[in-house]
Amino acid sequence: MGIDRAEDGDAPARPPARPDGADAAPPLDAAERAAEHARYRERVEDYGSARDAWAEAAPGLHAAWERHVEKYPERERPAPRTQPDGSWEADGGRRLSPEQNAEASKACADIRDEGEQVILPAMKRVEAEDPERHLAGLDNMLKGEDRLKEKIADYMRAPGVTVREALEMVPDAVRFTLMYPMDRYADGVRADVDRFKAEGFELIKLKNLWAGDQYKGINSQWGRAETGLRFEMQFHTPESLEAKELTHQAYERIRGTASAVERQELEAFQRQVNAVIVTPPGAAGIEDFPEKNDG
């Protein structure tokens, strides 16, 4: 259960009312009220400090990224395109035959329909169960068709992999983000994982990345048994989401064609950004799935 929110910055003076017929909770004495008030104020002040630290640092971090882009102008990539014979080609020697391209186009359309008509309504139902957090970035819910085809072509470099098999390897053809207040984060993530399971989705993977220095947040992958479609859910605070968005281009460059020298600077930039982000209380205790095996 999440932490209660009080009006005007005051902590609750007593526990919430019990249902009719339940034993009444005794009122808090003066010492207990003072301790509860101190705990509440500490939570509020911690959250305010996290917001203030990010707000102060963000302009300089954006300026640092602009300087990096000026120093390392991004190489223009040829746009992916369908050829006159129906094949598809993209940067990096990626290619789909006419038959593969037709199958990939149909599969992308099926993913779009399933994401919009099945998965999104389920995510909206989950969102409606707790007004303290909300879905973010729904405009980017679906990976673009050309980007999906790039992934398909990459996976199909392995001998014998079909278009459908390649698509099943893509973890984020459909992707969502839930954003929580810092003081509700840990309890909210745990509750929402249970809600997704109640909607019939299978948890494939959950990775807690709050201890890292290149990215802050929790990423999870889910599957729909009826079709095998996988989708991604990221769990963020407002500040960690802004940090992720600021470093996204750096992340793409690291995964792409950045030189060794630029890669070092990109990783240093990501460390600089994420050093500002405060880990929510209790987040470190959310375990990976499958759990790490140290033995």
C-alpha atoms as a PDB file:
ATOM      1  CA  MET A   1       0.000   0.000   0.000  1.00  0.00           C
ATOM      2  CA  GLY A   2       1.310   3.438  -0.810  1.00  0.00           C
ATOM      3  CA  ILE A   3       2.067   6.250   1.615  1.00  0.00           C
ATOM      4  CA  ASP A   4      -0.889   8.490   2.473  1.00  0.00           C
ATOM      5  CA  ARG A   5      -0.809  12.039   1.175  1.00  0.00           C
ATOM      6  CA  ALA A   6      -1.888  14.835   3.485  1.00  0.00           C
ATOM      7  CA  GLU A   7      -3.065  18.338   2.694  1.00  0.00           C
ATOM      8  CA  ASP A   8      -1.033  21.446   3.418  1.00  0.00           C
ATOM      9  CA  GLY A   9       2.134  19.495   4.229  1.00  0.00           C
ATOM     10  CA  ASP A  10       0.856  18.031   7.512  1.00  0.00           C
ATOM     11  CA  ALA A  11       1.175  14.375   8.410  1.00  0.00           C
ATOM     12  CA  PRO A  12      -2.022  12.459   9.267  1.00  0.00           C
ATOM     13  CA  ALA A  13      -2.848  12.681  12.960  1.00  0.00           C
ATOM     14  CA  ARG A  14      -4.323   9.167  13.098  1.00  0.00           C
ATOM     15  CA  PRO A  15      -4.571   6.004  11.001  1.00  0.00           C
ATOM     16  CA  PRO A  16      -7.305   5.788   8.348  1.00  0.00           C
ATOM     17  CA  ALA A  17     -10.774   4.919   9.610  1.00  0.00           C
ATOM     18  CA  ARG A  18     -11.576   1.211   9.883  1.00  0.00           C
ATOM     19  CA  PRO A  19     -14.597  -0.292   8.147  1.00  0.00           C
ATOM     20  CA  ASP A  20     -17.807  -0.564  10.183  1.00  0.00           C
ATOM     21  CA  GLY A  21     -17.634  -3.431  12.637  1.00  0.00           C
ATOM     22  CA  ALA A  22     -13.836  -3.423  12.907  1.00  0.00           C
ATOM     23  CA  ASP A  23     -12.084  -2.573  16.129  1.00  0.00           C
ATOM     24  CA  ALA A  24     -11.326   1.125  16.290  1.00  0.00           C
ATOM     25  CA  ALA A  25      -7.647   2.010  16.209  1.00  0.00           C
ATOM     26  CA  PRO A  26      -6.509   3.916  19.269  1.00  0.00           C
ATOM     27  CA  PRO A  27      -5.565   7.531  18.592  1.00  0.00           C
ATOM     28  CA  LEU A  28      -1.881   8.301  18.355  1.00  0.00           C
ATOM     29  CA  ASP A  29      -0.384   9.826  21.483  1.00  0.00           C
ATOM     30  CA  ALA A  30       1.691  13.001  21.299  1.00  0.00           C
ATOM     31  CA  ALA A  31       5.019  11.175  20.870  1.00  0.00           C
ATOM     32  CA  GLU A  32       3.634   8.938  18.130  1.00  0.00           C
ATOM     33  CA  ARG A  33       2.133  11.944  16.326  1.00  0.00           C
ATOM     34  CA  ALA A  34       5.459  13.744  16.494  1.00  0.00           C
ATOM     35  CA  ALA A  35       7.326  10.699  15.136  1.00  0.00           C
ATOM     36  CA  GLU A  36       4.804  10.215  12.321  1.00  0.00           C
ATOM     37  CA  HIS A  37       4.980  13.898  11.469  1.00  0.00           C
ATOM     38  CA  ALA A  38       8.801  13.754  11.360  1.00  0.00           C
ATOM     39  CA  ARG A  39       8.763  10.708   9.082  1.00  0.00           C
ATOM     40  CA  TYR A  40       6.258  12.378   6.774  1.00  0.00           C
ATOM     41  CA  ARG A  41       8.215  15.633   6.630  1.00  0.00           C
ATOM     42  CA  GLU A  42      11.407  13.675   5.869  1.00  0.00           C
ATOM     43  CA  ARG A  43       9.701  11.943   2.933  1.00  0.00           C
ATOM     44  CA  VAL A  44       8.364  15.239   1.572  1.00  0.00           C
ATOM     45  CA  GLU A  45      11.722  16.979   2.004  1.00  0.00           C
ATOM     46  CA  ASP A  46      13.580  14.104   0.316  1.00  0.00           C
ATOM     47  CA  TYR A  47      11.252  14.236  -2.668  1.00  0.00           C
ATOM     48  CA  GLY A  48      11.527  18.017  -2.849  1.00  0.00           C
ATOM     49  CA  SER A  49      15.308  17.808  -2.695  1.00  0.00           C
ATOM     50  CA  ALA A  50      15.340  15.297  -5.549  1.00  0.00           C
ATOM     51  CA  ARG A  51      13.189  17.558  -7.722  1.00  0.00           C
ATOM     52  CA  ASP A  52      15.211  20.632  -6.845  1.00  0.00           C
ATOM     53  CA  ALA A  53      18.529  18.921  -7.572  1.00  0.00           C
ATOM     54  CA  TRP A  54      17.325  17.829 -11.013  1.00  0.00           C
ATOM     55  CA  ALA A  55      15.801  21.222 -11.829  1.00  0.00           C
ATOM     56  CA  GLU A  56      19.087  22.917 -10.933  1.00  0.00           C
ATOM     57  CA  ALA A  57      21.271  20.496 -12.900  1.00  0.00           C
ATOM     58  CA  ALA A  58      19.114  19.980 -16.006  1.00  0.00           C
ATOM     59  CA  PRO A  59      19.982  23.180 -17.930  1.00  0.00           C
ATOM     60  CA  GLY A  60      23.709  22.510 -17.635  1.00  0.00           C
ATOM     61  CA  LEU A  61      23.248  18.878 -18.658  1.00  0.00           C
ATOM     62  CA  HIS A  62      21.281  19.875 -21.746  1.00  0.00           C
ATOM     63  CA  ALA A  63      24.010  22.356 -22.621  1.00  0.00           C
ATOM     64  CA  ALA A  64      26.646  19.632 -22.179  1.00  0.00           C
ATOM     65  CA  TRP A  65      24.791  17.429 -24.659  1.00  0.00           C
ATOM     66  CA  GLU A  66      24.557  20.261 -27.177  1.00  0.00           C
ATOM     67  CA  ARG A  67      28.328  20.723 -26.918  1.00  0.00           C
ATOM     68  CA  HIS A  68      28.843  17.011 -27.521  1.00  0.00           C
ATOM     69  CA  VAL A  69      26.681  17.087 -30.646  1.00  0.00           C
ATOM     70  CA  GLU A  70      28.686  20.039 -31.972  1.00  0.00           C
ATOM     71  CA  LYS A  71      31.928  18.162 -31.303  1.00  0.00           C
ATOM     72  CA  TYR A  72      30.687  14.910 -32.831  1.00  0.00           C
ATOM     73  CA  PRO A  73      28.159  15.689 -35.584  1.00  0.00           C
ATOM     74  CA  GLU A  74      26.017  12.640 -36.209  1.00  0.00           C
ATOM     75  CA  ARG A  75      26.656  10.850 -39.479  1.00  0.00           C
ATOM     76  CA  GLU A  76      23.679  10.997 -41.797  1.00  0.00           C
ATOM     77  CA  ARG A  77      22.169   7.579 -42.382  1.00  0.00           C
ATOM     78  CA  PRO A  78      20.422   6.706 -45.628  1.00  0.00           C
ATOM     79  CA  ALA A  79      16.713   6.320 -45.029  1.00  0.00           C
ATOM     80  CA  PRO A  80      15.379   2.751 -45.151  1.00  0.00           C
ATOM     81  CA  ARG A  81      13.333   2.185 -48.276  1.00  0.00           C
ATOM     82  CA  THR A  82      11.376  -0.401 -50.206  1.00  0.00           C
ATOM     83  CA  GLN A  83      12.968  -1.110 -53.559  1.00  0.00           C
ATOM     84  CA  PRO A  84      11.080  -1.382 -56.876  1.00  0.00           C
ATOM     85  CA  ASP A  85      11.189  -5.194 -56.693  1.00  0.00           C
ATOM     86  CA  GLY A  86       9.493  -5.133 -53.258  1.00  0.00           C
ATOM     87  CA  SER A  87      12.625  -5.826 -51.226  1.00  0.00           C
ATOM     88  CA  TRP A  88      13.626  -3.559 -48.319  1.00  0.00           C
ATOM     89  CA  GLU A  89      17.069  -2.124 -47.597  1.00  0.00           C
ATOM     90  CA  ALA A  90      18.560  -0.057 -44.801  1.00  0.00           C
ATOM     91  CA  ASP A  91      21.865   1.148 -43.410  1.00  0.00           C
ATOM     92  CA  GLY A  92      24.411  -1.426 -42.278  1.00  0.00           C
ATOM     93  CA  GLY A  93      23.724  -3.919 -45.039  1.00  0.00           C
ATOM     94  CA  ARG A  94      20.286  -4.755 -43.710  1.00  0.00           C
ATOM     95  CA  ARG A  95      18.022  -6.312 -46.334  1.00  0.00           C
ATOM     96  CA  LEU A  96      14.721  -8.175 -46.574  1.00  0.00           C
ATOM     97  CA  SER A  97      13.695 -10.020 -49.706  1.00  0.00           C
ATOM     98  CA  PRO A  98      10.364  -9.093 -51.336  1.00  0.00           C
ATOM     99  CA  GLU A  99       8.698 -12.051 -49.602  1.00  0.00           C
ATOM    100  CA  GLN A 100      10.285 -11.272 -46.241  1.00  0.00           C
ATOM    101  CA  ASN A 101       9.382  -7.603 -46.549  1.00  0.00           C
ATOM    102  CA  ALA A 102       5.748  -8.422 -47.308  1.00  0.00           C
ATOM    103  CA  GLU A 103       5.585 -10.749 -44.317  1.00  0.00           C
ATOM    104  CA  ALA A 104       7.285  -8.177 -42.082  1.00  0.00           C
ATOM    105  CA  SER A 105       4.860  -5.437 -43.183  1.00  0.00           C
ATOM    106  CA  LYS A 106       1.885  -7.676 -42.337  1.00  0.00           C
ATOM    107  CA  ALA A 107       3.428  -8.602 -38.989  1.00  0.00           C
ATOM    108  CA  CYS A 108       4.041  -4.940 -38.129  1.00  0.00           C
ATOM    109  CA  ALA A 109       0.401  -4.147 -38.894  1.00  0.00           C
ATOM    110  CA  ASP A 110      -0.709  -7.036 -36.667  1.00  0.00           C
ATOM    111  CA  ILE A 111       1.486  -5.758 -33.823  1.00  0.00           C
ATOM    112  CA  ARG A 112       0.061  -2.268 -34.201  1.00  0.00           C
ATOM    113  CA  ASP A 113      -3.499  -3.608 -34.028  1.00  0.00           C
ATOM    114  CA  GLU A 114      -2.773  -5.819 -31.017  1.00  0.00           C
ATOM    115  CA  GLY A 115      -0.966  -3.012 -29.211  1.00  0.00           C
ATOM    116  CA  GLU A 116      -3.760  -0.508 -29.756  1.00  0.00           C
ATOM    117  CA  GLN A 117      -6.764  -2.800 -29.371  1.00  0.00           C
ATOM    118  CA  VAL A 118      -5.645  -5.266 -26.674  1.00  0.00           C
ATOM    119  CA  ILE A 119      -2.584  -4.183 -24.701  1.00  0.00           C
ATOM    120  CA  LEU A 120      -3.275  -0.445 -24.433  1.00  0.00           C
ATOM    121  CA  PRO A 121      -6.804  -0.926 -23.027  1.00  0.00           C
ATOM    122  CA  ALA A 122      -5.348  -3.296 -20.413  1.00  0.00           C
ATOM    123  CA  MET A 123      -2.706  -0.709 -19.482  1.00  0.00           C
ATOM    124  CA  LYS A 124      -5.448   1.918 -19.160  1.00  0.00           C
ATOM    125  CA  ARG A 125      -7.364  -0.356 -16.799  1.00  0.00           C
ATOM    126  CA  VAL A 126      -4.258  -0.783 -14.665  1.00  0.00           C
ATOM    127  CA  GLU A 127      -3.625   2.964 -14.713  1.00  0.00           C
ATOM    128  CA  ALA A 128      -7.186   3.662 -13.504  1.00  0.00           C
ATOM    129  CA  GLU A 129      -6.614   1.627 -10.337  1.00  0.00           C
ATOM    130  CA  ASP A 130      -4.203   4.166  -8.819  1.00  0.00           C
ATOM    131  CA  PRO A 131      -4.461   7.912  -9.537  1.00  0.00           C
ATOM    132  CA  GLU A 132      -1.087   8.571  -7.881  1.00  0.00           C
ATOM    133  CA  ARG A 133       0.842   7.580 -11.034  1.00  0.00           C
ATOM    134  CA  HIS A 134       0.151   7.581 -14.736  1.00  0.00           C
ATOM    135  CA  LEU A 135       1.232   6.305 -18.130  1.00  0.00           C
ATOM    136  CA  ALA A 136       3.724   8.533 -19.926  1.00  0.00           C
ATOM    137  CA  GLY A 137       4.943   8.758 -23.512  1.00  0.00           C
ATOM    138  CA  LEU A 138       2.008   7.025 -25.201  1.00  0.00           C
ATOM    139  CA  ASP A 139       2.844   8.823 -28.451  1.00  0.00           C
ATOM    140  CA  ASN A 140       5.881   6.525 -28.643  1.00  0.00           C
ATOM    141  CA  MET A 141       4.016   3.358 -27.667  1.00  0.00           C
ATOM    142  CA  LEU A 142       4.727   1.612 -30.986  1.00  0.00           C
ATOM    143  CA  LYS A 143       8.166   1.127 -32.475  1.00  0.00           C
ATOM    144  CA  GLY A 144       8.199   2.468 -36.050  1.00  0.00           C
ATOM    145  CA  GLU A 145       7.841   0.001 -38.914  1.00  0.00           C
ATOM    146  CA  ASP A 146      11.275   0.693 -40.400  1.00  0.00           C
ATOM    147  CA  ARG A 147      12.892   0.392 -36.958  1.00  0.00           C
ATOM    148  CA  LEU A 148      11.136  -2.941 -36.475  1.00  0.00           C
ATOM    149  CA  LYS A 149      12.343  -4.125 -39.860  1.00  0.00           C
ATOM    150  CA  GLU A 150      15.895  -3.159 -38.911  1.00  0.00           C
ATOM    151  CA  LYS A 151      15.578  -5.372 -35.829  1.00  0.00           C
ATOM    152  CA  ILE A 152      14.102  -8.198 -37.918  1.00  0.00           C
ATOM    153  CA  ALA A 153      16.935  -7.967 -40.444  1.00  0.00           C
ATOM    154  CA  ASP A 154      19.517  -7.975 -37.634  1.00  0.00           C
ATOM    155  CA  TYR A 155      18.083 -11.114 -36.029  1.00  0.00           C
ATOM    156  CA  MET A 156      17.754 -12.804 -39.403  1.00  0.00           C
ATOM    157  CA  ARG A 157      21.510 -12.623 -39.930  1.00  0.00           C
ATOM    158  CA  ALA A 158      21.558 -15.874 -37.932  1.00  0.00           C
ATOM    159  CA  PRO A 159      20.982 -18.843 -40.265  1.00  0.00           C
ATOM    160  CA  GLY A 160      17.472 -20.245 -40.428  1.00  0.00           C
ATOM    161  CA  VAL A 161      15.679 -17.476 -38.495  1.00  0.00           C
ATOM    162  CA  THR A 162      12.289 -16.590 -39.984  1.00  0.00           C
ATOM    163  CA  VAL A 163      10.539 -13.218 -39.942  1.00  0.00           C
ATOM    164  CA  ARG A 164       8.115 -14.368 -37.232  1.00  0.00           C
ATOM    165  CA  GLU A 165      10.901 -15.830 -35.118  1.00  0.00           C
ATOM    166  CA  ALA A 166      12.866 -12.587 -35.440  1.00  0.00           C
ATOM    167  CA  LEU A 167       9.847 -10.561 -34.346  1.00  0.00           C
ATOM    168  CA  GLU A 168       9.417 -12.740 -31.259  1.00  0.00           C
ATOM    169  CA  MET A 169      12.948 -11.723 -30.236  1.00  0.00           C
ATOM    170  CA  VAL A 170      12.096  -7.986 -30.265  1.00  0.00           C
ATOM    171  CA  PRO A 171      11.293  -7.079 -26.624  1.00  0.00           C
ATOM    172  CA  ASP A 172       9.871  -3.600 -27.214  1.00  0.00           C
ATOM    173  CA  ALA A 173       7.789  -3.560 -30.395  1.00  0.00           C
ATOM    174  CA  VAL A 174       5.152  -2.170 -28.019  1.00  0.00           C
ATOM    175  CA  ARG A 175       6.402  -0.204 -25.019  1.00  0.00           C
ATOM    176  CA  PHE A 176       4.959   1.702 -22.075  1.00  0.00           C
ATOM    177  CA  THR A 177       6.178   3.785 -19.147  1.00  0.00           C
ATOM    178  CA  LEU A 178       4.564   4.266 -15.754  1.00  0.00           C
ATOM    179  CA  MET A 179       5.698   7.319 -13.786  1.00  0.00           C
ATOM    180  CA  TYR A 180       5.380   7.486 -10.001  1.00  0.00           C
ATOM    181  CA  PRO A 181       5.977  10.066  -7.276  1.00  0.00           C
ATOM    182  CA  MET A 182       9.181   9.109  -5.527  1.00  0.00           C
ATOM    183  CA  ASP A 183       7.471   8.337  -2.202  1.00  0.00           C
ATOM    184  CA  ARG A 184       5.007   5.941  -3.899  1.00  0.00           C
ATOM    185  CA  TYR A 185       7.461   4.308  -6.284  1.00  0.00           C
ATOM    186  CA  ALA A 186       8.432   1.024  -4.619  1.00  0.00           C
ATOM    187  CA  ASP A 187       4.952   0.088  -3.424  1.00  0.00           C
ATOM    188  CA  GLY A 188       3.469   1.234  -6.731  1.00  0.00           C
ATOM    189  CA  VAL A 189       5.793  -0.892  -8.859  1.00  0.00           C
ATOM    190  CA  ARG A 190       5.088  -4.004  -6.805  1.00  0.00           C
ATOM    191  CA  ALA A 191       1.345  -3.440  -6.982  1.00  0.00           C
ATOM    192  CA  ASP A 192       1.404  -2.835 -10.733  1.00  0.00           C
ATOM    193  CA  VAL A 193       3.435  -5.973 -11.428  1.00  0.00           C
ATOM    194  CA  ASP A 194       0.649  -7.911  -9.712  1.00  0.00           C
ATOM    195  CA  ARG A 195      -1.973  -6.012 -11.711  1.00  0.00           C
ATOM    196  CA  PHE A 196      -0.318  -6.886 -15.026  1.00  0.00           C
ATOM    197  CA  LYS A 197      -0.332 -10.540 -14.012  1.00  0.00           C
ATOM    198  CA  ALA A 198      -4.010 -10.265 -13.118  1.00  0.00           C
ATOM    199  CA  GLU A 199      -4.631  -8.949 -16.639  1.00  0.00           C
ATOM    200  CA  GLY A 200      -3.221 -12.224 -17.970  1.00  0.00           C
ATOM    201  CA  PHE A 201       0.253 -11.033 -19.019  1.00  0.00           C
ATOM    202  CA  GLU A 202       3.310 -13.167 -18.289  1.00  0.00           C
ATOM    203  CA  LEU A 203       6.349 -11.564 -16.679  1.00  0.00           C
ATOM    204  CA  ILE A 204       9.351 -12.575 -18.785  1.00  0.00           C
ATOM    205  CA  LYS A 205      12.032 -10.374 -17.302  1.00  0.00           C
ATOM    206  CA  LEU A 206      12.396  -7.558 -14.758  1.00  0.00           C
ATOM    207  CA  LYS A 207      15.684  -5.728 -14.263  1.00  0.00           C
ATOM    208  CA  ASN A 208      16.291  -3.256 -11.454  1.00  0.00           C
ATOM    209  CA  LEU A 209      18.802  -0.705 -12.765  1.00  0.00           C
ATOM    210  CA  TRP A 210      18.680   1.845  -9.953  1.00  0.00           C
ATOM    211  CA  ALA A 211      22.174   0.887  -8.795  1.00  0.00           C
ATOM    212  CA  GLY A 212      23.718   1.531 -12.205  1.00  0.00           C
ATOM    213  CA  ASP A 213      25.450   4.690 -13.375  1.00  0.00           C
ATOM    214  CA  GLN A 214      24.322   4.679 -17.039  1.00  0.00           C
ATOM    215  CA  TYR A 215      20.558   4.450 -16.493  1.00  0.00           C
ATOM    216  CA  LYS A 216      18.153   4.707 -13.553  1.00  0.00           C
ATOM    217  CA  GLY A 217      14.846   2.877 -13.415  1.00  0.00           C
ATOM    218  CA  ILE A 218      13.288  -0.566 -13.656  1.00  0.00           C
ATOM    219  CA  ASN A 219      12.671  -2.219 -17.029  1.00  0.00           C
ATOM    220  CA  SER A 220      10.424  -5.220 -17.535  1.00  0.00           C
ATOM    221  CA  GLN A 221       9.342  -7.417 -20.420  1.00  0.00           C
ATOM    222  CA  TRP A 222       5.916  -9.044 -20.635  1.00  0.00           C
ATOM    223  CA  GLY A 223       4.333 -11.571 -22.958  1.00  0.00           C
ATOM    224  CA  ARG A 224       0.835 -12.251 -24.218  1.00  0.00           C
ATOM    225  CA  ALA A 225       0.317 -16.007 -24.354  1.00  0.00           C
ATOM    226  CA  GLU A 226      -2.350 -15.882 -27.065  1.00  0.00           C
ATOM    227  CA  THR A 227       0.004 -14.461 -29.701  1.00  0.00           C
ATOM    228  CA  GLY A 228       3.501 -14.533 -28.197  1.00  0.00           C
ATOM    229  CA  LEU A 229       3.823 -10.742 -28.573  1.00  0.00           C
ATOM    230  CA  ARG A 230       6.248  -9.204 -26.095  1.00  0.00           C
ATOM    231  CA  PHE A 231       6.005  -5.669 -24.775  1.00  0.00           C
ATOM    232  CA  GLU A 232       8.110  -3.513 -22.488  1.00  0.00           C
ATOM    233  CA  MET A 233       7.101  -1.618 -19.368  1.00  0.00           C
ATOM    234  CA  GLN A 234       9.493   0.857 -17.762  1.00  0.00           C
ATOM    235  CA  PHE A 235       8.958   2.154 -14.214  1.00  0.00           C
ATOM    236  CA  HIS A 236      10.224   5.688 -13.560  1.00  0.00           C
ATOM    237  CA  THR A 237      10.051   8.740 -11.352  1.00  0.00           C
ATOM    238  CA  PRO A 238       9.577  12.091 -13.131  1.00  0.00           C
ATOM    239  CA  GLU A 239      13.284  12.846 -12.753  1.00  0.00           C
ATOM    240  CA  SER A 240      14.549   9.438 -13.894  1.00  0.00           C
ATOM    241  CA  LEU A 241      12.275   9.626 -16.942  1.00  0.00           C
ATOM    242  CA  GLU A 242      13.657  13.045 -17.874  1.00  0.00           C
ATOM    243  CA  ALA A 243      17.195  11.688 -17.433  1.00  0.00           C
ATOM    244  CA  LYS A 244      16.389   8.725 -19.671  1.00  0.00           C
ATOM    245  CA  GLU A 245      14.996  11.028 -22.361  1.00  0.00           C
ATOM    246  CA  LEU A 246      18.035  13.322 -22.142  1.00  0.00           C
ATOM    247  CA  THR A 247      20.464  10.412 -22.539  1.00  0.00           C
ATOM    248  CA  HIS A 248      18.507   8.483 -25.172  1.00  0.00           C
ATOM    249  CA  GLN A 249      20.505   9.805 -28.120  1.00  0.00           C
ATOM    250  CA  ALA A 250      23.743   9.054 -26.258  1.00  0.00           C
ATOM    251  CA  TYR A 251      22.515   5.502 -25.693  1.00  0.00           C
ATOM    252  CA  GLU A 252      21.671   5.112 -29.394  1.00  0.00           C
ATOM    253  CA  ARG A 253      25.117   6.366 -30.393  1.00  0.00           C
ATOM    254  CA  ILE A 254      26.826   3.948 -27.999  1.00  0.00           C
ATOM    255  CA  ARG A 255      24.890   1.076 -29.563  1.00  0.00           C
ATOM    256  CA  GLY A 256      25.605   2.381 -33.056  1.00  0.00           C
ATOM    257  CA  THR A 257      28.728   3.564 -34.808  1.00  0.00           C
ATOM    258  CA  ALA A 258      30.344   5.819 -32.186  1.00  0.00           C
ATOM    259  CA  SER A 259      34.131   5.619 -32.119  1.00  0.00           C
ATOM    260  CA  ALA A 260      35.889   4.306 -29.033  1.00  0.00           C
ATOM    261  CA  VAL A 261      36.838   7.861 -28.036  1.00  0.00           C
ATOM    262  CA  GLU A 262      33.295   9.181 -28.439  1.00  0.00           C
ATOM    263  CA  ARG A 263      31.870   6.159 -26.629  1.00  0.00           C
ATOM    264  CA  GLN A 264      33.967   7.002 -23.574  1.00  0.00           C
ATOM    265  CA  GLU A 265      32.614  10.547 -23.594  1.00  0.00           C
ATOM    266  CA  LEU A 266      29.043   9.327 -24.079  1.00  0.00           C
ATOM    267  CA  GLU A 267      29.329   6.996 -21.106  1.00  0.00           C
ATOM    268  CA  ALA A 268      30.815   9.827 -19.028  1.00  0.00           C
ATOM    269  CA  PHE A 269      27.861  12.028 -20.020  1.00  0.00           C
ATOM    270  CA  GLN A 270      25.364   9.348 -18.971  1.00  0.00           C
ATOM    271  CA  ARG A 271      27.151   9.007 -15.626  1.00  0.00           C
ATOM    272  CA  GLN A 272      27.011  12.772 -15.153  1.00  0.00           C
ATOM    273  CA  VAL A 273      23.269  12.851 -15.810  1.00  0.00           C
ATOM    274  CA  ASN A 274      22.383   9.860 -13.664  1.00  0.00           C
ATOM    275  CA  ALA A 275      24.520  10.997 -10.740  1.00  0.00           C
ATOM    276  CA  VAL A 276      21.832  13.639 -10.104  1.00  0.00           C
ATOM    277  CA  ILE A 277      18.978  11.146  -9.880  1.00  0.00           C
ATOM    278  CA  VAL A 278      17.850  10.075  -6.403  1.00  0.00           C
ATOM    279  CA  THR A 279      16.856   6.440  -5.876  1.00  0.00           C
ATOM    280  CA  PRO A 280      13.320   6.197  -4.425  1.00  0.00           C
ATOM    281  CA  PRO A 281      12.995   4.712  -0.936  1.00  0.00           C
ATOM    282  CA  GLY A 282      12.583   0.948  -1.126  1.00  0.00           C
ATOM    283  CA  ALA A 283      13.447   0.697  -4.827  1.00  0.00           C
ATOM    284  CA  ALA A 284      16.690  -1.148  -4.171  1.00  0.00           C
ATOM    285  CA  GLY A 285      14.691  -3.980  -2.597  1.00  0.00           C
ATOM    286  CA  ILE A 286      12.726  -4.772  -5.773  1.00  0.00           C
ATOM    287  CA  GLU A 287      14.290  -7.979  -7.033  1.00  0.00           C
ATOM    288  CA  ASP A 288      15.163  -8.880 -10.586  1.00  0.00           C
ATOM    289  CA  PHE A 289      13.170 -11.573 -12.371  1.00  0.00           C
ATOM    290  CA  PRO A 290      14.390 -14.156 -12.967  1.00  0.00           C
ATOM    291  CA  GLU A 291      16.263 -13.630  -9.723  1.00  0.00           C
ATOM    292  CA  LYS A 292      20.043 -13.389  -9.904  1.00  0.00           C
ATOM    293  CA  ASN A 293      21.822 -16.593  -8.992  1.00  0.00           C
ATOM    294  CA  ASP A 294      25.054 -15.830  -7.197  1.00  0.00           C
ATOM    295  CA  GLY A 295      25.882 -19.496  -6.779  1.00  0.00           C
END
